[in-house]
C-alpha atoms as a PDB file:
ATOM      1  CA  MET A   1       5.624  -1.095  -6.454  1.00  0.00           C
ATOM      2  CA  LYS A   2       2.480  -2.362  -8.147  1.00  0.00           C
ATOM      3  CA  TYR A   3      -0.947  -2.197  -6.591  1.00  0.00           C
ATOM      4  CA  PRO A   4      -1.375  -5.492  -4.702  1.00  0.00           C
ATOM      5  CA  ASN A   5      -4.267  -7.555  -6.059  1.00  0.00           C
ATOM      6  CA  GLN A   6      -4.470  -9.575  -2.825  1.00  0.00           C
ATOM      7  CA  VAL A   7      -5.694  -6.492  -0.956  1.00  0.00           C
ATOM      8  CA  GLU A   8      -8.808  -6.388  -3.146  1.00  0.00           C
ATOM      9  CA  SER A   9      -9.479 -10.047  -2.367  1.00  0.00           C
ATOM     10  CA  LYS A  10      -9.110  -9.366   1.354  1.00  0.00           C
ATOM     11  CA  MET A  11     -11.435  -6.322   1.193  1.00  0.00           C
ATOM     12  CA  LYS A  12     -14.037  -8.386  -0.640  1.00  0.00           C
ATOM     13  CA  GLU A  13     -13.710 -11.236   1.865  1.00  0.00           C
ATOM     14  CA  LEU A  14     -14.191  -8.819   4.771  1.00  0.00           C
ATOM     15  CA  GLY A  15     -16.913  -6.728   3.094  1.00  0.00           C
ATOM     16  CA  ILE A  16     -14.806  -3.583   3.252  1.00  0.00           C
ATOM     17  CA  LYS A  17     -15.162  -0.852   0.646  1.00  0.00           C
ATOM     18  CA  PRO A  18     -11.966   0.512  -0.893  1.00  0.00           C
ATOM     19  CA  THR A  19     -10.792   3.936   0.231  1.00  0.00           C
ATOM     20  CA  ASP A  20      -9.500   6.545  -2.225  1.00  0.00           C
ATOM     21  CA  TYR A  21      -6.026   6.117  -0.764  1.00  0.00           C
ATOM     22  CA  LEU A  22      -4.249   2.893   0.121  1.00  0.00           C
ATOM     23  CA  ILE A  23      -1.005   2.689   2.077  1.00  0.00           C
ATOM     24  CA  VAL A  24       1.035  -0.426   1.240  1.00  0.00           C
ATOM     25  CA  ILE A  25       3.961  -1.363   3.470  1.00  0.00           C
ATOM     26  CA  SER A  26       6.457  -3.941   2.211  1.00  0.00           C
ATOM     27  CA  ILE A  27       8.400  -5.557   5.050  1.00  0.00           C
ATOM     28  CA  HIS A  28      10.851  -7.149   2.592  1.00  0.00           C
ATOM     29  CA  GLU A  29      11.631  -3.873   0.822  1.00  0.00           C
ATOM     30  CA  GLN A  30      11.295  -1.609   3.897  1.00  0.00           C
ATOM     31  CA  LYS A  31       9.204   0.674   1.696  1.00  0.00           C
ATOM     32  CA  MET A  32       5.786   2.279   1.951  1.00  0.00           C
ATOM     33  CA  THR A  33       3.880   3.206  -1.182  1.00  0.00           C
ATOM     34  CA  LEU A  34       0.864   5.471  -1.198  1.00  0.00           C
ATOM     35  CA  PHE A  35      -1.704   4.722  -3.880  1.00  0.00           C
ATOM     36  CA  HIS A  36      -4.523   7.004  -4.946  1.00  0.00           C
ATOM     37  CA  LYS A  37      -7.264   5.164  -6.821  1.00  0.00           C
ATOM     38  CA  LYS A  38      -4.822   2.312  -7.592  1.00  0.00           C
ATOM     39  CA  GLU A  39      -2.119   4.627  -8.939  1.00  0.00           C
ATOM     40  CA  SER A  40       1.189   4.829  -7.092  1.00  0.00           C
ATOM     41  CA  ILE A  41       1.837   8.452  -6.144  1.00  0.00           C
ATOM     42  CA  ILE A  42       4.803   8.321  -3.749  1.00  0.00           C
ATOM     43  CA  THR A  43       7.112   5.808  -2.074  1.00  0.00           C
ATOM     44  CA  TYR A  44       8.825   6.336   1.279  1.00  0.00           C
ATOM     45  CA  THR A  45      11.628   4.396   2.968  1.00  0.00           C
ATOM     46  CA  VAL A  46      10.545   3.017   6.347  1.00  0.00           C
ATOM     47  CA  SER A  47      11.770   0.848   9.189  1.00  0.00           C
ATOM     48  CA  THR A  48       9.658  -2.006  10.554  1.00  0.00           C
ATOM     49  CA  SER A  49      10.383  -4.344  13.472  1.00  0.00           C
ATOM     50  CA  GLU A  50      13.846  -5.718  14.050  1.00  0.00           C
ATOM     51  CA  ARG A  51      12.062  -8.875  15.295  1.00  0.00           C
ATOM     52  CA  GLY A  52      10.211  -9.477  12.029  1.00  0.00           C
ATOM     53  CA  THR A  53       6.469  -9.856  11.628  1.00  0.00           C
ATOM     54  CA  GLY A  54       3.871 -11.123  14.026  1.00  0.00           C
ATOM     55  CA  GLN A  55       0.547 -10.288  15.513  1.00  0.00           C
ATOM     56  CA  VAL A  56       0.817 -11.203  19.192  1.00  0.00           C
ATOM     57  CA  GLU A  57       0.884  -8.579  21.943  1.00  0.00           C
ATOM     58  CA  ASP A  58       4.336  -7.967  23.473  1.00  0.00           C
ATOM     59  CA  SER A  59       6.079  -9.666  20.524  1.00  0.00           C
ATOM     60  CA  LEU A  60       7.529  -6.310  19.400  1.00  0.00           C
ATOM     61  CA  GLN A  61       6.835  -7.466  15.833  1.00  0.00           C
ATOM     62  CA  THR A  62       5.147  -5.616  12.986  1.00  0.00           C
ATOM     63  CA  PRO A  63       1.662  -7.012  12.292  1.00  0.00           C
ATOM     64  CA  LEU A  64       0.638  -8.109   8.820  1.00  0.00           C
ATOM     65  CA  GLY A  65      -2.655  -7.771   6.986  1.00  0.00           C
ATOM     66  CA  LEU A  66      -5.332  -5.196   6.396  1.00  0.00           C
ATOM     67  CA  HIS A  67      -5.552  -2.227   8.733  1.00  0.00           C
ATOM     68  CA  CYS A  68      -6.951   1.281   8.644  1.00  0.00           C
ATOM     69  CA  VAL A  69      -5.748   4.603   9.997  1.00  0.00           C
ATOM     70  CA  ALA A  70      -7.894   4.827  13.123  1.00  0.00           C
ATOM     71  CA  ASP A  71      -6.489   8.087  14.509  1.00  0.00           C
ATOM     72  CA  LYS A  72      -4.274  10.887  13.252  1.00  0.00           C
ATOM     73  CA  ILE A  73      -2.439  12.563  16.104  1.00  0.00           C
ATOM     74  CA  GLY A  74      -0.234  15.649  16.131  1.00  0.00           C
ATOM     75  CA  GLU A  75      -1.573  17.820  13.330  1.00  0.00           C
ATOM     76  CA  ALA A  76      -0.267  21.062  14.822  1.00  0.00           C
ATOM     77  CA  ALA A  77       2.881  19.604  16.403  1.00  0.00           C
ATOM     78  CA  ALA A  78       6.351  20.809  15.460  1.00  0.00           C
ATOM     79  CA  ALA A  79       8.647  18.586  13.432  1.00  0.00           C
ATOM     80  CA  GLY A  80      10.535  16.563  16.032  1.00  0.00           C
ATOM     81  CA  ALA A  81       7.803  16.916  18.684  1.00  0.00           C
ATOM     82  CA  ILE A  82       8.104  14.112  21.231  1.00  0.00           C
ATOM     83  CA  PHE A  83       4.950  12.109  21.984  1.00  0.00           C
ATOM     84  CA  LYS A  84       4.311   9.985  25.064  1.00  0.00           C
ATOM     85  CA  GLY A  85       1.004   8.174  25.428  1.00  0.00           C
ATOM     86  CA  ARG A  86      -0.125   9.848  22.175  1.00  0.00           C
ATOM     87  CA  GLU A  87       0.240  13.287  23.787  1.00  0.00           C
ATOM     88  CA  ASP A  88       2.622  16.012  22.644  1.00  0.00           C
ATOM     89  CA  THR A  89       5.032  16.500  25.575  1.00  0.00           C
ATOM     90  CA  GLY A  90       5.927  20.024  24.492  1.00  0.00           C
ATOM     91  CA  GLN A  91       9.531  18.872  23.973  1.00  0.00           C
ATOM     92  CA  THR A  92      11.267  18.413  20.647  1.00  0.00           C
ATOM     93  CA  CYS A  93      14.166  16.253  19.594  1.00  0.00           C
ATOM     94  CA  PRO A  94      16.615  18.103  17.360  1.00  0.00           C
ATOM     95  CA  LEU A  95      16.317  16.299  14.033  1.00  0.00           C
ATOM     96  CA  GLY A  96      19.521  14.806  12.667  1.00  0.00           C
ATOM     97  CA  SER A  97      21.417  15.189  15.937  1.00  0.00           C
ATOM     98  CA  ALA A  98      22.906  12.440  18.076  1.00  0.00           C
ATOM     99  CA  GLU A  99      20.924  13.726  21.043  1.00  0.00           C
ATOM    100  CA  ARG A 100      18.701  11.078  22.670  1.00  0.00           C
ATOM    101  CA  ARG A 101      20.049   8.288  20.381  1.00  0.00           C
ATOM    102  CA  GLY A 102      19.655   5.725  23.164  1.00  0.00           C
ATOM    103  CA  GLU A 103      15.899   6.264  23.199  1.00  0.00           C
ATOM    104  CA  ASP A 104      13.257   5.050  20.748  1.00  0.00           C
ATOM    105  CA  LEU A 105      11.150   8.184  20.481  1.00  0.00           C
ATOM    106  CA  ILE A 106       7.819   8.685  18.769  1.00  0.00           C
ATOM    107  CA  LEU A 107       8.173  11.976  16.937  1.00  0.00           C
ATOM    108  CA  THR A 108       6.339  14.521  14.790  1.00  0.00           C
ATOM    109  CA  ARG A 109       3.058  12.716  13.846  1.00  0.00           C
ATOM    110  CA  ILE A 110       1.226   9.501  14.697  1.00  0.00           C
ATOM    111  CA  LEU A 111      -1.099   7.498  12.483  1.00  0.00           C
ATOM    112  CA  ARG A 112      -2.558   4.851  14.804  1.00  0.00           C
ATOM    113  CA  LEU A 113      -3.506   1.611  13.080  1.00  0.00           C
ATOM    114  CA  LYS A 114      -6.509  -0.609  13.694  1.00  0.00           C
ATOM    115  CA  GLY A 115      -6.489  -4.187  12.434  1.00  0.00           C
ATOM    116  CA  LEU A 116      -9.490  -5.222  10.348  1.00  0.00           C
ATOM    117  CA  GLU A 117      -9.047  -9.004  10.357  1.00  0.00           C
ATOM    118  CA  GLU A 118     -10.756 -10.545  13.385  1.00  0.00           C
ATOM    119  CA  GLY A 119      -8.581 -13.178  15.055  1.00  0.00           C
ATOM    120  CA  PHE A 120      -5.551 -12.154  13.007  1.00  0.00           C
ATOM    121  CA  ASN A 121      -4.771  -8.482  13.679  1.00  0.00           C
ATOM    122  CA  ARG A 122      -7.909  -7.633  15.631  1.00  0.00           C
ATOM    123  CA  GLY A 123      -9.156  -9.111  18.891  1.00  0.00           C
ATOM    124  CA  TYR A 124      -7.843 -12.490  20.004  1.00  0.00           C
ATOM    125  CA  ASP A 125      -6.398 -15.421  18.094  1.00  0.00           C
ATOM    126  CA  ARG A 126      -7.549 -19.058  18.443  1.00  0.00           C
ATOM    127  CA  GLU A 127      -5.214 -19.535  21.392  1.00  0.00           C
ATOM    128  CA  GLY A 128      -6.729 -16.576  23.240  1.00  0.00           C
ATOM    129  CA  ARG A 129      -3.737 -14.283  22.732  1.00  0.00           C
ATOM    130  CA  ILE A 130      -4.231 -10.576  22.020  1.00  0.00           C
ATOM    131  CA  VAL A 131      -3.438  -9.888  18.368  1.00  0.00           C
ATOM    132  CA  ASP A 132      -5.155  -6.512  18.197  1.00  0.00           C
ATOM    133  CA  SER A 133      -3.004  -3.897  16.431  1.00  0.00           C
ATOM    134  CA  PHE A 134      -4.988  -1.030  17.976  1.00  0.00           C
ATOM    135  CA  GLU A 135      -4.588  -2.393  21.516  1.00  0.00           C
ATOM    136  CA  ARG A 136      -0.892  -3.061  20.787  1.00  0.00           C
ATOM    137  CA  PHE A 137      -0.496   0.652  19.927  1.00  0.00           C
ATOM    138  CA  ILE A 138       0.882   0.005  16.444  1.00  0.00           C
ATOM    139  CA  TYR A 139       1.641   3.321  14.757  1.00  0.00           C
ATOM    140  CA  ILE A 140       3.158   4.869  11.699  1.00  0.00           C
ATOM    141  CA  HIS A 141       5.297   7.630  13.219  1.00  0.00           C
ATOM    142  CA  GLY A 142       8.365   9.820  12.900  1.00  0.00           C
ATOM    143  CA  THR A 143      11.610   8.710  14.511  1.00  0.00           C
ATOM    144  CA  ASN A 144      14.840   9.951  16.037  1.00  0.00           C
ATOM    145  CA  HIS A 145      16.575   7.065  14.219  1.00  0.00           C
ATOM    146  CA  GLU A 146      16.276   8.241  10.621  1.00  0.00           C
ATOM    147  CA  GLU A 147      19.674   6.667   9.892  1.00  0.00           C
ATOM    148  CA  GLN A 148      18.026   3.247  10.364  1.00  0.00           C
ATOM    149  CA  LEU A 149      15.356   3.790   7.724  1.00  0.00           C
ATOM    150  CA  GLY A 150      15.554   1.077   5.086  1.00  0.00           C
ATOM    151  CA  MET A 151      16.360  -1.632   7.620  1.00  0.00           C
ATOM    152  CA  PRO A 152      14.286  -3.445  10.243  1.00  0.00           C
ATOM    153  CA  ALA A 153      14.968  -1.646  13.521  1.00  0.00           C
ATOM    154  CA  SER A 154      11.697  -0.685  15.237  1.00  0.00           C
ATOM    155  CA  HIS A 155       9.862  -2.263  18.158  1.00  0.00           C
ATOM    156  CA  GLY A 156       6.818  -3.120  16.032  1.00  0.00           C
ATOM    157  CA  CYS A 157       5.692   0.215  14.660  1.00  0.00           C
ATOM    158  CA  VAL A 158       6.434   1.564  11.196  1.00  0.00           C
ATOM    159  CA  ARG A 159       9.003   4.330  11.498  1.00  0.00           C
ATOM    160  CA  MET A 160       9.266   7.077   8.891  1.00  0.00           C
ATOM    161  CA  GLY A 161      11.451  10.086   8.318  1.00  0.00           C
ATOM    162  CA  ASN A 162       9.946  13.110  10.034  1.00  0.00           C
ATOM    163  CA  ALA A 163       9.413  15.106   6.848  1.00  0.00           C
ATOM    164  CA  ASP A 164       7.876  12.013   5.231  1.00  0.00           C
ATOM    165  CA  VAL A 165       5.424  11.359   8.068  1.00  0.00           C
ATOM    166  CA  ILE A 166       4.263  14.981   7.858  1.00  0.00           C
ATOM    167  CA  ASP A 167       3.755  14.556   4.111  1.00  0.00           C
ATOM    168  CA  LEU A 168       1.804  11.295   4.543  1.00  0.00           C
ATOM    169  CA  PHE A 169      -0.239  12.752   7.424  1.00  0.00           C
ATOM    170  CA  GLU A 170      -1.329  15.682   5.245  1.00  0.00           C
ATOM    171  CA  ARG A 171      -2.275  13.444   2.314  1.00  0.00           C
ATOM    172  CA  VAL A 172      -4.462  10.759   3.885  1.00  0.00           C
ATOM    173  CA  PRO A 173      -7.673  10.981   5.905  1.00  0.00           C
ATOM    174  CA  GLU A 174      -8.594   8.859   8.900  1.00  0.00           C
ATOM    175  CA  GLY A 175     -10.078   5.584   7.702  1.00  0.00           C
ATOM    176  CA  THR A 176      -7.487   5.120   4.943  1.00  0.00           C
ATOM    177  CA  LEU A 177      -6.758   1.440   4.404  1.00  0.00           C
ATOM    178  CA  VAL A 178      -3.267   0.120   5.145  1.00  0.00           C
ATOM    179  CA  TRP A 179      -1.938  -3.191   3.762  1.00  0.00           C
ATOM    180  CA  ILE A 180       1.143  -4.602   5.515  1.00  0.00           C
ATOM    181  CA  ALA A 181       2.734  -7.485   3.614  1.00  0.00           C
ATOM    182  CA  GLN A 182       5.943  -9.474   3.666  1.00  0.00           C
END
């Protein structure tokens, strides 16, 4: 994946300075590429919403546009740690097993996203609907459905393999910009 020029235009429009790292998520490709100073350093397979893209609260869709990593949660958690309400429950889900397949668990690490485009993925839209990615609890997180990576299957978040989310978590600081595009 090439560094997206449109992200620079959006940063300039919003008066946002580039960060050393940029996470780019392609809905079409179901891929996430991490750039460091405009150079692609790693690509991960992900799973975004089975309902497509959208900004509105309760749509269960993956929001588009420019975001940042607002919070990193779970630094000391075990691989497969189960999170509820952004808290480690102390339970783990055996990775790769069929256990708890009926549930959509948030595992291992959480990178909570904050939208940076007022009225689009932050705050309210023109119709007064909540479109705020932070308030919608949009995350990049590990999953108990690794077999679905590469296809849209989430409830709005960006799912990653558990080893991959640990790798990403260790590489990027809070504040890292995230570009989600079709």
